[in-house]
N, C-alpha and C. Protein backbone atom coordinates (compact mmCIF):
# COMPACT_ATOMS: atom_id res chain seq x y z
N UNK A 1 -5.58 18.02 -31.95
CA UNK A 1 -4.92 17.36 -30.84
C UNK A 1 -5.86 17.39 -29.64
N UNK A 2 -5.94 16.30 -28.96
CA UNK A 2 -6.81 16.18 -27.79
C UNK A 2 -6.25 16.97 -26.63
N UNK A 3 -7.15 17.48 -25.81
CA UNK A 3 -6.74 18.20 -24.61
C UNK A 3 -6.08 17.24 -23.64
N UNK A 4 -5.05 17.70 -22.93
CA UNK A 4 -4.40 16.80 -21.96
C UNK A 4 -5.35 16.46 -20.82
N UNK A 5 -5.15 15.29 -20.27
CA UNK A 5 -5.96 14.85 -19.15
C UNK A 5 -5.61 15.66 -17.91
N UNK A 6 -6.60 15.96 -17.11
CA UNK A 6 -6.34 16.62 -15.84
C UNK A 6 -5.58 15.64 -14.95
N UNK A 7 -4.76 16.14 -14.03
CA UNK A 7 -3.96 15.22 -13.20
C UNK A 7 -4.78 14.17 -12.48
N UNK A 8 -5.99 14.50 -12.02
CA UNK A 8 -6.79 13.52 -11.30
C UNK A 8 -7.54 12.56 -12.22
N UNK A 9 -7.54 12.85 -13.53
CA UNK A 9 -8.22 11.99 -14.49
C UNK A 9 -7.32 10.84 -14.90
N UNK A 10 -7.94 9.71 -15.12
CA UNK A 10 -7.20 8.55 -15.62
C UNK A 10 -7.97 7.97 -16.79
N UNK A 11 -7.27 7.54 -17.81
CA UNK A 11 -7.98 6.92 -18.93
C UNK A 11 -8.55 5.58 -18.52
N UNK A 12 -9.62 5.16 -19.20
CA UNK A 12 -10.15 3.83 -18.95
C UNK A 12 -9.10 2.81 -19.33
N UNK A 13 -9.01 1.75 -18.56
CA UNK A 13 -8.01 0.74 -18.85
C UNK A 13 -8.66 -0.45 -19.54
N UNK A 14 -7.86 -1.15 -20.29
CA UNK A 14 -8.33 -2.34 -20.98
C UNK A 14 -7.61 -3.52 -20.36
N UNK A 15 -8.37 -4.42 -19.76
CA UNK A 15 -7.79 -5.60 -19.14
C UNK A 15 -8.32 -6.81 -19.89
N UNK A 16 -7.48 -7.43 -20.69
CA UNK A 16 -7.88 -8.63 -21.39
C UNK A 16 -8.82 -8.40 -22.56
N UNK A 17 -9.00 -7.15 -22.95
CA UNK A 17 -9.89 -6.87 -24.07
C UNK A 17 -9.09 -6.20 -25.18
N UNK A 18 -9.15 -6.77 -26.38
CA UNK A 18 -8.48 -6.16 -27.51
C UNK A 18 -9.28 -5.04 -28.13
N UNK A 19 -10.56 -4.99 -27.84
CA UNK A 19 -11.46 -4.01 -28.42
C UNK A 19 -11.67 -2.87 -27.42
N UNK A 20 -10.92 -1.80 -27.59
CA UNK A 20 -10.96 -0.69 -26.64
C UNK A 20 -12.33 -0.04 -26.57
N UNK A 21 -13.00 0.13 -27.69
CA UNK A 21 -14.31 0.76 -27.68
C UNK A 21 -15.31 -0.06 -26.86
N UNK A 22 -15.33 -1.37 -27.05
CA UNK A 22 -16.23 -2.21 -26.26
C UNK A 22 -15.85 -2.16 -24.79
N UNK A 23 -14.56 -2.14 -24.49
CA UNK A 23 -14.12 -2.05 -23.10
C UNK A 23 -14.65 -0.77 -22.46
N UNK A 24 -14.61 0.32 -23.19
CA UNK A 24 -15.12 1.59 -22.66
C UNK A 24 -16.63 1.52 -22.45
N UNK A 25 -17.34 0.91 -23.37
CA UNK A 25 -18.79 0.76 -23.22
C UNK A 25 -19.12 -0.09 -21.99
N UNK A 26 -18.35 -1.14 -21.77
CA UNK A 26 -18.57 -2.01 -20.61
C UNK A 26 -18.32 -1.22 -19.32
N UNK A 27 -17.27 -0.42 -19.28
CA UNK A 27 -17.00 0.40 -18.10
C UNK A 27 -18.16 1.34 -17.81
N UNK A 28 -18.70 1.98 -18.85
CA UNK A 28 -19.85 2.86 -18.68
C UNK A 28 -21.05 2.06 -18.18
N UNK A 29 -21.25 0.87 -18.74
CA UNK A 29 -22.35 0.01 -18.31
C UNK A 29 -22.26 -0.34 -16.83
N UNK A 30 -21.06 -0.61 -16.34
CA UNK A 30 -20.87 -0.94 -14.92
C UNK A 30 -21.22 0.26 -14.04
N UNK A 31 -20.80 1.44 -14.46
CA UNK A 31 -21.13 2.65 -13.70
C UNK A 31 -22.63 2.90 -13.73
N UNK A 32 -23.25 2.72 -14.90
CA UNK A 32 -24.70 2.91 -15.01
C UNK A 32 -25.45 1.91 -14.13
N UNK A 33 -24.94 0.69 -14.02
CA UNK A 33 -25.59 -0.30 -13.17
C UNK A 33 -25.61 0.19 -11.72
N UNK A 34 -24.51 0.78 -11.27
CA UNK A 34 -24.46 1.30 -9.90
C UNK A 34 -25.41 2.49 -9.73
N UNK A 35 -25.58 3.29 -10.79
CA UNK A 35 -26.40 4.50 -10.69
C UNK A 35 -27.88 4.23 -10.94
N UNK A 36 -28.19 3.43 -11.98
CA UNK A 36 -29.56 3.27 -12.46
C UNK A 36 -30.14 1.89 -12.25
N UNK A 37 -29.29 0.93 -11.90
CA UNK A 37 -29.75 -0.44 -11.77
C UNK A 37 -29.39 -1.27 -12.99
N UNK A 38 -29.61 -2.56 -12.86
CA UNK A 38 -29.22 -3.49 -13.91
C UNK A 38 -30.00 -3.27 -15.20
N UNK A 39 -31.28 -2.96 -15.09
CA UNK A 39 -32.09 -2.74 -16.29
C UNK A 39 -31.57 -1.60 -17.14
N UNK A 40 -31.24 -0.48 -16.52
CA UNK A 40 -30.71 0.67 -17.26
C UNK A 40 -29.37 0.36 -17.90
N UNK A 41 -28.52 -0.35 -17.17
CA UNK A 41 -27.22 -0.73 -17.71
C UNK A 41 -27.37 -1.70 -18.87
N UNK A 42 -28.28 -2.66 -18.74
CA UNK A 42 -28.51 -3.63 -19.81
C UNK A 42 -29.02 -2.94 -21.07
N UNK A 43 -29.91 -1.99 -20.89
CA UNK A 43 -30.44 -1.24 -22.03
C UNK A 43 -29.32 -0.46 -22.73
N UNK A 44 -28.47 0.20 -21.95
CA UNK A 44 -27.34 0.93 -22.53
C UNK A 44 -26.43 0.00 -23.32
N UNK A 45 -26.06 -1.14 -22.72
CA UNK A 45 -25.15 -2.07 -23.40
C UNK A 45 -25.78 -2.62 -24.68
N UNK A 46 -27.07 -2.95 -24.64
CA UNK A 46 -27.75 -3.45 -25.84
C UNK A 46 -27.80 -2.38 -26.92
N UNK A 47 -28.12 -1.16 -26.52
CA UNK A 47 -28.19 -0.05 -27.49
C UNK A 47 -26.84 0.27 -28.10
N UNK A 48 -25.76 -0.15 -27.43
CA UNK A 48 -24.42 0.14 -27.91
C UNK A 48 -23.70 -1.09 -28.43
N UNK A 49 -24.47 -2.09 -28.82
CA UNK A 49 -23.97 -3.27 -29.54
C UNK A 49 -22.93 -4.08 -28.76
N UNK A 50 -23.06 -4.12 -27.43
CA UNK A 50 -22.21 -5.01 -26.64
C UNK A 50 -22.89 -6.37 -26.66
N UNK A 51 -22.14 -7.40 -26.99
CA UNK A 51 -22.69 -8.74 -27.14
C UNK A 51 -23.41 -9.17 -25.86
N UNK A 52 -24.54 -9.83 -26.02
CA UNK A 52 -25.37 -10.24 -24.89
C UNK A 52 -24.60 -11.10 -23.89
N UNK A 53 -23.70 -11.95 -24.35
CA UNK A 53 -22.95 -12.79 -23.41
C UNK A 53 -22.03 -11.95 -22.53
N UNK A 54 -21.46 -10.90 -23.10
CA UNK A 54 -20.61 -9.99 -22.32
C UNK A 54 -21.47 -9.23 -21.32
N UNK A 55 -22.60 -8.70 -21.79
CA UNK A 55 -23.50 -7.94 -20.91
C UNK A 55 -23.97 -8.79 -19.74
N UNK A 56 -24.39 -10.02 -20.01
CA UNK A 56 -24.86 -10.90 -18.94
C UNK A 56 -23.77 -11.18 -17.92
N UNK A 57 -22.56 -11.47 -18.40
CA UNK A 57 -21.45 -11.76 -17.48
C UNK A 57 -21.13 -10.54 -16.62
N UNK A 58 -21.01 -9.40 -17.25
CA UNK A 58 -20.62 -8.19 -16.53
C UNK A 58 -21.67 -7.76 -15.52
N UNK A 59 -22.94 -7.84 -15.91
CA UNK A 59 -24.00 -7.32 -15.05
C UNK A 59 -24.49 -8.30 -13.99
N UNK A 60 -24.33 -9.60 -14.23
CA UNK A 60 -24.88 -10.57 -13.28
C UNK A 60 -23.82 -11.33 -12.49
N UNK A 61 -22.57 -11.24 -12.90
CA UNK A 61 -21.50 -11.98 -12.22
C UNK A 61 -20.30 -11.06 -11.98
N UNK A 62 -20.44 -10.11 -11.06
CA UNK A 62 -19.36 -9.14 -10.83
C UNK A 62 -18.02 -9.79 -10.48
N UNK A 63 -18.04 -10.95 -9.87
CA UNK A 63 -16.78 -11.62 -9.52
C UNK A 63 -15.99 -12.05 -10.75
N UNK A 64 -16.67 -12.17 -11.89
CA UNK A 64 -16.00 -12.59 -13.12
C UNK A 64 -15.56 -11.41 -13.99
N UNK A 65 -15.78 -10.19 -13.52
CA UNK A 65 -15.35 -9.02 -14.29
C UNK A 65 -13.84 -9.01 -14.42
N UNK A 66 -13.37 -8.37 -15.47
CA UNK A 66 -11.93 -8.32 -15.73
C UNK A 66 -11.23 -7.21 -14.97
N UNK A 67 -11.92 -6.58 -14.06
CA UNK A 67 -11.35 -5.54 -13.22
C UNK A 67 -12.18 -5.42 -11.96
N UNK A 68 -11.67 -4.70 -10.97
CA UNK A 68 -12.38 -4.51 -9.71
C UNK A 68 -13.02 -3.13 -9.69
N UNK A 69 -14.23 -3.04 -9.13
CA UNK A 69 -14.96 -1.79 -9.08
C UNK A 69 -15.54 -1.59 -7.69
N UNK A 70 -15.66 -0.31 -7.28
CA UNK A 70 -16.29 -0.05 -5.99
C UNK A 70 -17.81 -0.07 -6.13
N UNK A 71 -18.52 0.27 -5.05
CA UNK A 71 -19.98 0.20 -5.08
C UNK A 71 -20.61 1.20 -6.03
N UNK A 72 -19.82 2.17 -6.51
CA UNK A 72 -20.32 3.15 -7.46
C UNK A 72 -19.97 2.80 -8.90
N UNK A 73 -19.32 1.64 -9.10
CA UNK A 73 -18.93 1.21 -10.43
C UNK A 73 -17.60 1.78 -10.90
N UNK A 74 -16.89 2.48 -10.02
CA UNK A 74 -15.62 3.10 -10.39
C UNK A 74 -14.51 2.06 -10.26
N UNK A 75 -13.65 1.94 -11.29
CA UNK A 75 -12.55 0.99 -11.22
C UNK A 75 -11.63 1.29 -10.03
N UNK A 76 -11.24 0.25 -9.31
CA UNK A 76 -10.37 0.42 -8.15
C UNK A 76 -8.99 -0.18 -8.36
N UNK A 77 -8.77 -0.78 -9.51
CA UNK A 77 -7.49 -1.46 -9.74
C UNK A 77 -6.66 -0.76 -10.81
N UNK A 78 -6.78 0.56 -10.91
CA UNK A 78 -6.01 1.31 -11.89
C UNK A 78 -4.56 1.38 -11.45
N UNK A 79 -3.68 1.31 -12.43
CA UNK A 79 -2.25 1.43 -12.13
C UNK A 79 -1.93 2.91 -11.96
N UNK A 80 -0.89 3.19 -11.22
CA UNK A 80 -0.44 4.57 -11.12
C UNK A 80 -0.51 5.01 -9.76
């Protein structure tokens, strides 16, 4: 059984994505982009089999992302 989440922790959310694993990889990629830059995020997404069209959209067109993120790549539109 998995350990319970700490009260301040929130699970990654899936907005419009049926593939939870890919959604999680994309969230990590967005955070890495804020930390390491677009090149590092693109490398991570490619190494983790995220389709190039998804990677390009997420990394180069933030307005088209399926969620809102702050300047650190942290989701800002979580429910709760």
